[in-house]
Amino acid sequence: MDVIGSVVVSGIVVTVGFLLARITSARSEELKERIDRLEDRVDKRMAAFQASVDGMRSDLTAVALAVGARPRGGQAGSRR
């Protein structure tokens, strides 16, 4: 009798473990998809932000040149 009880309990444990693994796997896939969508949205926003910064940099350069500022020597963007 003890052997049959052990086999039944083992079967229940295996079945529950299998079900939990399936549920966890499905949830994991769902989270991966959500993270991928979020990453795409962040990439698009960062690209738009970079374009905006580039435009402002270009505008500031045009204003500086219009008022007679001279380019700095050395590397571009260096702080001396």
PDB file of N, CA and C in Angstrom:
ATOM      1  N   MET A   1       0.810  -1.200   0.000  1.00  0.00           N
ATOM      2  CA  MET A   1       0.000   0.000   0.000  1.00  0.00           C
ATOM      3  C   MET A   1       0.856   1.268   0.000  1.00  0.00           C
ATOM      4  N   ASP A   2       1.963   1.224   0.734  1.00  0.00           N
ATOM      5  CA  ASP A   2       2.811   2.405   0.775  1.00  0.00           C
ATOM      6  C   ASP A   2       3.391   2.727  -0.605  1.00  0.00           C
ATOM      7  N   VAL A   3       3.657   1.685  -1.377  1.00  0.00           N
ATOM      8  CA  VAL A   3       4.222   1.887  -2.711  1.00  0.00           C
ATOM      9  C   VAL A   3       3.196   2.557  -3.617  1.00  0.00           C
ATOM     10  N   ILE A   4       1.958   2.117  -3.551  1.00  0.00           N
ATOM     11  CA  ILE A   4       0.910   2.704  -4.385  1.00  0.00           C
ATOM     12  C   ILE A   4       0.686   4.169  -3.992  1.00  0.00           C
ATOM     13  N   GLY A   5       0.676   4.451  -2.709  1.00  0.00           N
ATOM     14  CA  GLY A   5       0.523   5.832  -2.234  1.00  0.00           C
ATOM     15  C   GLY A   5       1.660   6.713  -2.710  1.00  0.00           C
ATOM     16  N   SER A   6       2.877   6.181  -2.651  1.00  0.00           N
ATOM     17  CA  SER A   6       4.046   6.940  -3.113  1.00  0.00           C
ATOM     18  C   SER A   6       3.969   7.210  -4.609  1.00  0.00           C
ATOM     19  N   VAL A   7       3.522   6.239  -5.377  1.00  0.00           N
ATOM     20  CA  VAL A   7       3.404   6.404  -6.820  1.00  0.00           C
ATOM     21  C   VAL A   7       2.335   7.445  -7.149  1.00  0.00           C
ATOM     22  N   VAL A   8       1.209   7.398  -6.432  1.00  0.00           N
ATOM     23  CA  VAL A   8       0.135   8.371  -6.669  1.00  0.00           C
ATOM     24  C   VAL A   8       0.608   9.779  -6.335  1.00  0.00           C
ATOM     25  N   VAL A   9       1.249   9.943  -5.190  1.00  0.00           N
ATOM     26  CA  VAL A   9       1.753  11.262  -4.790  1.00  0.00           C
ATOM     27  C   VAL A   9       2.805  11.741  -5.791  1.00  0.00           C
ATOM     28  N   SER A  10       3.673  10.847  -6.225  1.00  0.00           N
ATOM     29  CA  SER A  10       4.697  11.226  -7.208  1.00  0.00           C
ATOM     30  C   SER A  10       4.048  11.670  -8.516  1.00  0.00           C
ATOM     31  N   GLY A  11       3.009  10.956  -8.934  1.00  0.00           N
ATOM     32  CA  GLY A  11       2.297  11.340 -10.152  1.00  0.00           C
ATOM     33  C   GLY A  11       1.651  12.702 -10.034  1.00  0.00           C
ATOM     34  N   ILE A  12       1.067  12.976  -8.877  1.00  0.00           N
ATOM     35  CA  ILE A  12       0.447  14.293  -8.650  1.00  0.00           C
ATOM     36  C   ILE A  12       1.506  15.386  -8.674  1.00  0.00           C
ATOM     37  N   VAL A  13       2.638  15.136  -8.020  1.00  0.00           N
ATOM     38  CA  VAL A  13       3.721  16.140  -7.988  1.00  0.00           C
ATOM     39  C   VAL A  13       4.232  16.409  -9.398  1.00  0.00           C
ATOM     40  N   VAL A  14       4.416  15.366 -10.190  1.00  0.00           N
ATOM     41  CA  VAL A  14       4.904  15.529 -11.563  1.00  0.00           C
ATOM     42  C   VAL A  14       3.881  16.299 -12.396  1.00  0.00           C
ATOM     43  N   THR A  15       2.609  15.962 -12.244  1.00  0.00           N
ATOM     44  CA  THR A  15       1.559  16.639 -13.007  1.00  0.00           C
ATOM     45  C   THR A  15       1.479  18.128 -12.655  1.00  0.00           C
ATOM     46  N   VAL A  16       1.494  18.432 -11.370  1.00  0.00           N
ATOM     47  CA  VAL A  16       1.453  19.832 -10.938  1.00  0.00           C
ATOM     48  C   VAL A  16       2.700  20.568 -11.417  1.00  0.00           C
ATOM     49  N   GLY A  17       3.856  19.934 -11.321  1.00  0.00           N
ATOM     50  CA  GLY A  17       5.089  20.556 -11.809  1.00  0.00           C
ATOM     51  C   GLY A  17       5.026  20.850 -13.289  1.00  0.00           C
ATOM     52  N   PHE A  18       4.496  19.898 -14.062  1.00  0.00           N
ATOM     53  CA  PHE A  18       4.354  20.094 -15.497  1.00  0.00           C
ATOM     54  C   PHE A  18       3.405  21.255 -15.801  1.00  0.00           C
ATOM     55  N   LEU A  19       2.274  21.304 -15.112  1.00  0.00           N
ATOM     56  CA  LEU A  19       1.316  22.396 -15.324  1.00  0.00           C
ATOM     57  C   LEU A  19       1.918  23.749 -14.965  1.00  0.00           C
ATOM     58  N   LEU A  20       2.625  23.803 -13.857  1.00  0.00           N
ATOM     59  CA  LEU A  20       3.265  25.066 -13.468  1.00  0.00           C
ATOM     60  C   LEU A  20       4.320  25.488 -14.483  1.00  0.00           C
ATOM     61  N   ALA A  21       5.055  24.528 -15.014  1.00  0.00           N
ATOM     62  CA  ALA A  21       6.064  24.839 -16.032  1.00  0.00           C
ATOM     63  C   ALA A  21       5.406  25.403 -17.290  1.00  0.00           C
ATOM     64  N   ARG A  22       4.282  24.835 -17.694  1.00  0.00           N
ATOM     65  CA  ARG A  22       3.567  25.324 -18.883  1.00  0.00           C
ATOM     66  C   ARG A  22       3.042  26.737 -18.662  1.00  0.00           C
ATOM     67  N   ILE A  23       2.441  26.965 -17.491  1.00  0.00           N
ATOM     68  CA  ILE A  23       1.894  28.290 -17.180  1.00  0.00           C
ATOM     69  C   ILE A  23       3.017  29.322 -17.130  1.00  0.00           C
ATOM     70  N   THR A  24       4.112  28.972 -16.483  1.00  0.00           N
ATOM     71  CA  THR A  24       5.245  29.885 -16.359  1.00  0.00           C
ATOM     72  C   THR A  24       5.858  30.173 -17.723  1.00  0.00           C
ATOM     73  N   SER A  25       5.946  29.166 -18.559  1.00  0.00           N
ATOM     74  CA  SER A  25       6.513  29.345 -19.891  1.00  0.00           C
ATOM     75  C   SER A  25       5.655  30.296 -20.724  1.00  0.00           C
ATOM     76  N   ALA A  26       4.350  30.114 -20.662  1.00  0.00           N
ATOM     77  CA  ALA A  26       3.451  30.996 -21.417  1.00  0.00           C
ATOM     78  C   ALA A  26       3.559  32.430 -20.921  1.00  0.00           C
ATOM     79  N   ARG A  27       3.626  32.597 -19.614  1.00  0.00           N
ATOM     80  CA  ARG A  27       3.750  33.936 -19.037  1.00  0.00           C
ATOM     81  C   ARG A  27       5.083  34.571 -19.420  1.00  0.00           C
ATOM     82  N   SER A  28       6.111  33.748 -19.440  1.00  0.00           N
ATOM     83  CA  SER A  28       7.434  34.238 -19.821  1.00  0.00           C
ATOM     84  C   SER A  28       7.430  34.736 -21.263  1.00  0.00           C
ATOM     85  N   GLU A  29       6.803  33.995 -22.151  1.00  0.00           N
ATOM     86  CA  GLU A  29       6.723  34.416 -23.558  1.00  0.00           C
ATOM     87  C   GLU A  29       5.953  35.726 -23.682  1.00  0.00           C
ATOM     88  N   GLU A  30       4.876  35.843 -22.926  1.00  0.00           N
ATOM     89  CA  GLU A  30       4.085  37.074 -22.958  1.00  0.00           C
ATOM     90  C   GLU A  30       4.916  38.262 -22.491  1.00  0.00           C
ATOM     91  N   LEU A  31       5.678  38.063 -21.432  1.00  0.00           N
ATOM     92  CA  LEU A  31       6.520  39.153 -20.927  1.00  0.00           C
ATOM     93  C   LEU A  31       7.615  39.510 -21.923  1.00  0.00           C
ATOM     94  N   LYS A  32       8.186  38.520 -22.583  1.00  0.00           N
ATOM     95  CA  LYS A  32       9.207  38.797 -23.598  1.00  0.00           C
ATOM     96  C   LYS A  32       8.629  39.639 -24.727  1.00  0.00           C
ATOM     97  N   GLU A  33       7.419  39.317 -25.162  1.00  0.00           N
ATOM     98  CA  GLU A  33       6.776  40.088 -26.226  1.00  0.00           C
ATOM     99  C   GLU A  33       6.522  41.525 -25.785  1.00  0.00           C
ATOM    100  N   ARG A  34       6.069  41.697 -24.552  1.00  0.00           N
ATOM    101  CA  ARG A  34       5.812  43.052 -24.052  1.00  0.00           C
ATOM    102  C   ARG A  34       7.104  43.847 -23.964  1.00  0.00           C
ATOM    103  N   ILE A  35       8.173  43.209 -23.515  1.00  0.00           N
ATOM    104  CA  ILE A  35       9.467  43.894 -23.415  1.00  0.00           C
ATOM    105  C   ILE A  35       9.962  44.279 -24.798  1.00  0.00           C
ATOM    106  N   ASP A  36       9.779  43.399 -25.779  1.00  0.00           N
ATOM    107  CA  ASP A  36      10.190  43.722 -27.156  1.00  0.00           C
ATOM    108  C   ASP A  36       9.421  44.917 -27.692  1.00  0.00           C
ATOM    109  N   ARG A  37       8.111  44.962 -27.440  1.00  0.00           N
ATOM    110  CA  ARG A  37       7.313  46.113 -27.897  1.00  0.00           C
ATOM    111  C   ARG A  37       7.770  47.390 -27.198  1.00  0.00           C
ATOM    112  N   LEU A  38       8.050  47.302 -25.905  1.00  0.00           N
ATOM    113  CA  LEU A  38       8.516  48.471 -25.157  1.00  0.00           C
ATOM    114  C   LEU A  38       9.866  48.946 -25.694  1.00  0.00           C
ATOM    115  N   GLU A  39      10.737  47.999 -25.988  1.00  0.00           N
ATOM    116  CA  GLU A  39      12.043  48.351 -26.531  1.00  0.00           C
ATOM    117  C   GLU A  39      11.903  49.074 -27.871  1.00  0.00           C
ATOM    118  N   ASP A  40      11.001  48.603 -28.712  1.00  0.00           N
ATOM    119  CA  ASP A  40      10.767  49.258 -30.003  1.00  0.00           C
ATOM    120  C   ASP A  40      10.267  50.689 -29.803  1.00  0.00           C
ATOM    121  N   ARG A  41       9.336  50.868 -28.865  1.00  0.00           N
ATOM    122  CA  ARG A  41       8.810  52.217 -28.605  1.00  0.00           C
ATOM    123  C   ARG A  41       9.904  53.139 -28.077  1.00  0.00           C
ATOM    124  N   VAL A  42      10.733  52.636 -27.185  1.00  0.00           N
ATOM    125  CA  VAL A  42      11.818  53.465 -26.641  1.00  0.00           C
ATOM    126  C   VAL A  42      12.808  53.822 -27.747  1.00  0.00           C
ATOM    127  N   ASP A  43      13.131  52.856 -28.613  1.00  0.00           N
ATOM    128  CA  ASP A  43      14.047  53.136 -29.720  1.00  0.00           C
ATOM    129  C   ASP A  43      13.507  54.231 -30.634  1.00  0.00           C
ATOM    130  N   LYS A  44      12.211  54.173 -30.932  1.00  0.00           N
ATOM    131  CA  LYS A  44      11.605  55.201 -31.796  1.00  0.00           C
ATOM    132  C   LYS A  44      11.656  56.567 -31.129  1.00  0.00           C
ATOM    133  N   ARG A  45      11.352  56.612 -29.843  1.00  0.00           N
ATOM    134  CA  ARG A  45      11.375  57.900 -29.136  1.00  0.00           C
ATOM    135  C   ARG A  45      12.793  58.455 -29.040  1.00  0.00           C
ATOM    136  N   MET A  46      13.763  57.574 -28.807  1.00  0.00           N
ATOM    137  CA  MET A  46      15.150  58.047 -28.726  1.00  0.00           C
ATOM    138  C   MET A  46      15.632  58.565 -30.072  1.00  0.00           C
ATOM    139  N   ALA A  47      15.205  57.920 -31.157  1.00  0.00           N
ATOM    140  CA  ALA A  47      15.580  58.390 -32.494  1.00  0.00           C
ATOM    141  C   ALA A  47      14.982  59.771 -32.750  1.00  0.00           C
ATOM    142  N   ALA A  48      13.721  59.967 -32.348  1.00  0.00           N
ATOM    143  CA  ALA A  48      13.080  61.271 -32.518  1.00  0.00           C
ATOM    144  C   ALA A  48      13.772  62.322 -31.655  1.00  0.00           C
ATOM    145  N   PHE A  49      14.134  61.939 -30.439  1.00  0.00           N
ATOM    146  CA  PHE A  49      14.831  62.867 -29.544  1.00  0.00           C
ATOM    147  C   PHE A  49      16.193  63.250 -30.126  1.00  0.00           C
ATOM    148  N   GLN A  50      16.927  62.274 -30.658  1.00  0.00           N
ATOM    149  CA  GLN A  50      18.235  62.555 -31.249  1.00  0.00           C
ATOM    150  C   GLN A  50      18.092  63.490 -32.446  1.00  0.00           C
ATOM    151  N   ALA A  51      17.062  63.287 -33.253  1.00  0.00           N
ATOM    152  CA  ALA A  51      16.834  64.170 -34.398  1.00  0.00           C
ATOM    153  C   ALA A  51      16.549  65.586 -33.927  1.00  0.00           C
ATOM    154  N   SER A  52      15.796  65.713 -32.844  1.00  0.00           N
ATOM    155  CA  SER A  52      15.494  67.026 -32.285  1.00  0.00           C
ATOM    156  C   SER A  52      16.760  67.713 -31.775  1.00  0.00           C
ATOM    157  N   VAL A  53      17.602  66.949 -31.080  1.00  0.00           N
ATOM    158  CA  VAL A  53      18.866  67.513 -30.573  1.00  0.00           C
ATOM    159  C   VAL A  53      19.755  67.927 -31.737  1.00  0.00           C
ATOM    160  N   ASP A  54      19.825  67.104 -32.765  1.00  0.00           N
ATOM    161  CA  ASP A  54      20.636  67.449 -33.936  1.00  0.00           C
ATOM    162  C   ASP A  54      20.135  68.732 -34.593  1.00  0.00           C
ATOM    163  N   GLY A  55      18.815  68.871 -34.664  1.00  0.00           N
ATOM    164  CA  GLY A  55      18.241  70.093 -35.238  1.00  0.00           C
ATOM    165  C   GLY A  55      18.576  71.317 -34.410  1.00  0.00           C
ATOM    166  N   MET A  56      18.494  71.187 -33.079  1.00  0.00           N
ATOM    167  CA  MET A  56      18.840  72.327 -32.213  1.00  0.00           C
ATOM    168  C   MET A  56      20.314  72.673 -32.337  1.00  0.00           C
ATOM    169  N   ARG A  57      21.161  71.664 -32.436  1.00  0.00           N
ATOM    170  CA  ARG A  57      22.595  71.904 -32.584  1.00  0.00           C
ATOM    171  C   ARG A  57      22.864  72.659 -33.884  1.00  0.00           C
ATOM    172  N   SER A  58      22.190  72.240 -34.935  1.00  0.00           N
ATOM    173  CA  SER A  58      22.354  72.906 -36.224  1.00  0.00           C
ATOM    174  C   SER A  58      21.882  74.358 -36.149  1.00  0.00           C
ATOM    175  N   ASP A  59      20.736  74.584 -35.501  1.00  0.00           N
ATOM    176  CA  ASP A  59      20.216  75.942 -35.355  1.00  0.00           C
ATOM    177  C   ASP A  59      21.161  76.809 -34.533  1.00  0.00           C
ATOM    178  N   LEU A  60      21.674  76.253 -33.438  1.00  0.00           N
ATOM    179  CA  LEU A  60      22.608  77.031 -32.598  1.00  0.00           C
ATOM    180  C   LEU A  60      23.893  77.355 -33.348  1.00  0.00           C
ATOM    181  N   THR A  61      24.360  76.435 -34.152  1.00  0.00           N
ATOM    182  CA  THR A  61      25.558  76.698 -34.956  1.00  0.00           C
ATOM    183  C   THR A  61      25.296  77.824 -35.946  1.00  0.00           C
ATOM    184  N   ALA A  62      24.134  77.798 -36.575  1.00  0.00           N
ATOM    185  CA  ALA A  62      23.789  78.862 -37.532  1.00  0.00           C
ATOM    186  C   ALA A  62      23.712  80.211 -36.835  1.00  0.00           C
ATOM    187  N   VAL A  63      23.127  80.275 -35.649  1.00  0.00           N
ATOM    188  CA  VAL A  63      23.036  81.536 -34.902  1.00  0.00           C
ATOM    189  C   VAL A  63      24.422  82.016 -34.507  1.00  0.00           C
ATOM    190  N   ALA A  64      25.249  81.082 -34.022  1.00  0.00           N
ATOM    191  CA  ALA A  64      26.602  81.468 -33.609  1.00  0.00           C
ATOM    192  C   ALA A  64      27.395  82.021 -34.785  1.00  0.00           C
ATOM    193  N   LEU A  65      27.297  81.389 -35.921  1.00  0.00           N
ATOM    194  CA  LEU A  65      28.022  81.879 -37.098  1.00  0.00           C
ATOM    195  C   LEU A  65      27.450  83.208 -37.578  1.00  0.00           C
ATOM    196  N   ALA A  66      26.142  83.407 -37.412  1.00  0.00           N
ATOM    197  CA  ALA A  66      25.517  84.661 -37.846  1.00  0.00           C
ATOM    198  C   ALA A  66      25.975  85.832 -36.990  1.00  0.00           C
ATOM    199  N   VAL A  67      26.271  85.611 -35.725  1.00  0.00           N
ATOM    200  CA  VAL A  67      26.709  86.714 -34.860  1.00  0.00           C
ATOM    201  C   VAL A  67      28.220  86.882 -34.875  1.00  0.00           C
ATOM    202  N   GLY A  68      28.904  86.057 -35.675  1.00  0.00           N
ATOM    203  CA  GLY A  68      30.334  86.249 -35.853  1.00  0.00           C
ATOM    204  C   GLY A  68      31.213  85.393 -34.961  1.00  0.00           C
ATOM    205  N   ALA A  69      30.680  84.379 -34.338  1.00  0.00           N
ATOM    206  CA  ALA A  69      31.513  83.494 -33.516  1.00  0.00           C
ATOM    207  C   ALA A  69      32.424  82.689 -34.433  1.00  0.00           C
ATOM    208  N   ARG A  70      33.639  82.475 -33.951  1.00  0.00           N
ATOM    209  CA  ARG A  70      34.590  81.691 -34.727  1.00  0.00           C
ATOM    210  C   ARG A  70      34.634  80.268 -34.195  1.00  0.00           C
ATOM    211  N   PRO A  71      34.839  79.310 -35.100  1.00  0.00           N
ATOM    212  CA  PRO A  71      34.957  77.920 -34.646  1.00  0.00           C
ATOM    213  C   PRO A  71      36.164  77.758 -33.721  1.00  0.00           C
ATOM    214  N   ARG A  72      36.033  76.883 -32.744  1.00  0.00           N
ATOM    215  CA  ARG A  72      37.151  76.597 -31.840  1.00  0.00           C
ATOM    216  C   ARG A  72      38.191  75.758 -32.554  1.00  0.00           C
ATOM    217  N   GLY A  73      39.406  75.864 -32.087  1.00  0.00           N
ATOM    218  CA  GLY A  73      40.460  75.005 -32.614  1.00  0.00           C
ATOM    219  C   GLY A  73      40.403  73.656 -31.930  1.00  0.00           C
ATOM    220  N   GLY A  74      41.093  72.687 -32.479  1.00  0.00           N
ATOM    221  CA  GLY A  74      41.112  71.355 -31.861  1.00  0.00           C
ATOM    222  C   GLY A  74      39.908  70.535 -32.265  1.00  0.00           C
ATOM    223  N   GLN A  75      39.566  69.600 -31.396  1.00  0.00           N
ATOM    224  CA  GLN A  75      38.453  68.705 -31.694  1.00  0.00           C
ATOM    225  C   GLN A  75      37.128  69.431 -31.596  1.00  0.00           C
ATOM    226  N   ALA A  76      36.203  69.004 -32.408  1.00  0.00           N
ATOM    227  CA  ALA A  76      34.866  69.589 -32.364  1.00  0.00           C
ATOM    228  C   ALA A  76      34.221  69.233 -31.022  1.00  0.00           C
ATOM    229  N   GLY A  77      33.641  70.221 -30.382  1.00  0.00           N
ATOM    230  CA  GLY A  77      32.955  69.981 -29.130  1.00  0.00           C
ATOM    231  C   GLY A  77      33.844  69.964 -27.911  1.00  0.00           C
ATOM    232  N   SER A  78      35.116  70.238 -28.076  1.00  0.00           N
ATOM    233  CA  SER A  78      36.003  70.221 -26.914  1.00  0.00           C
ATOM    234  C   SER A  78      35.754  71.458 -26.056  1.00  0.00           C
ATOM    235  N   ARG A  79      35.942  71.325 -24.784  1.00  0.00           N
ATOM    236  CA  ARG A  79      35.730  72.442 -23.860  1.00  0.00           C
ATOM    237  C   ARG A  79      37.081  72.967 -23.400  1.00  0.00           C
ATOM    238  N   ARG A  80      37.446  74.104 -23.906  1.00  0.00           N
ATOM    239  CA  ARG A  80      38.712  74.726 -23.496  1.00  0.00           C
ATOM    240  C   ARG A  80      38.477  76.084 -22.925  1.00  0.00           C
TER     241      ARG A  80
END
